[in-house]
Protein backbone atom coordinates (compact mmCIF):
# COMPACT_ATOMS: atom_id res chain seq x y z
CA UNK A 1 -0.22 119.48 196.39
CA UNK A 2 -1.97 122.45 197.73
CA UNK A 3 -0.75 124.87 195.24
CA UNK A 4 -2.44 123.27 192.67
CA UNK A 5 -5.61 122.94 194.29
CA UNK A 6 -5.53 126.86 195.24
CA UNK A 7 -5.06 127.04 191.44
CA UNK A 8 -8.02 125.12 190.62
CA UNK A 9 -9.98 127.44 193.02
CA UNK A 10 -8.82 130.24 191.47
CA UNK A 11 -9.20 129.04 187.75
CA UNK A 12 -13.23 127.78 188.66
CA UNK A 13 -13.60 131.71 190.37
CA UNK A 14 -12.68 133.19 187.35
CA UNK A 15 -14.54 131.01 184.72
CA UNK A 16 -17.78 131.80 186.78
CA UNK A 17 -16.52 135.36 187.09
CA UNK A 18 -16.68 135.35 183.15
CA UNK A 19 -19.40 133.30 182.91
CA UNK A 20 -21.21 136.08 185.55
CA UNK A 21 -20.53 138.74 182.98
CA UNK A 22 -21.26 137.76 180.09
CA UNK A 23 -24.72 136.67 181.40
CA UNK A 24 -25.19 140.16 182.31
CA UNK A 25 -23.86 141.74 179.00
CA UNK A 26 -26.47 139.44 176.98
CA UNK A 27 -28.89 140.59 179.29
CA UNK A 28 -28.61 144.38 178.88
CA UNK A 29 -27.59 143.28 174.46
CA UNK A 30 -31.48 142.09 175.27
CA UNK A 31 -33.08 144.69 177.18
CA UNK A 32 -31.12 147.50 174.66
CA UNK A 33 -32.75 145.74 171.60
CA UNK A 34 -36.29 145.46 172.83
CA UNK A 35 -35.57 149.07 173.70
CA UNK A 36 -34.46 149.94 169.90
CA UNK A 37 -37.29 148.09 168.25
CA UNK A 38 -40.31 149.72 170.65
CA UNK A 39 -38.60 153.33 169.50
CA UNK A 40 -38.63 152.08 165.95
CA UNK A 41 -42.37 150.93 166.23
CA UNK A 42 -43.20 154.57 167.71
CA UNK A 43 -41.55 156.10 164.89
CA UNK A 44 -43.46 154.59 162.29
CA UNK A 45 -46.76 155.23 164.39
CA UNK A 46 -45.55 158.67 164.62
CA UNK A 47 -44.79 159.23 161.11
CA UNK A 48 -48.49 157.11 160.01
CA UNK A 49 -50.15 159.39 162.14
CA UNK A 50 -48.80 162.60 160.82
CA UNK A 51 -49.28 161.38 156.93
CA UNK A 52 -51.15 163.44 155.12
CA UNK A 53 -54.66 161.41 154.49
CA UNK A 54 -56.49 160.82 151.11
């Protein structure tokens, strides 16, 4: 009985750790994609600025 409760607590801890890591990875991925979008926008602006006019 006691061993089953311990196993349950360990399983809950493992699930929360996986969930936390998943959340961190998701937030990190979002930040990275936003950074890439900003880089792409900057590149387009630079190309537009250096393009020959007329």
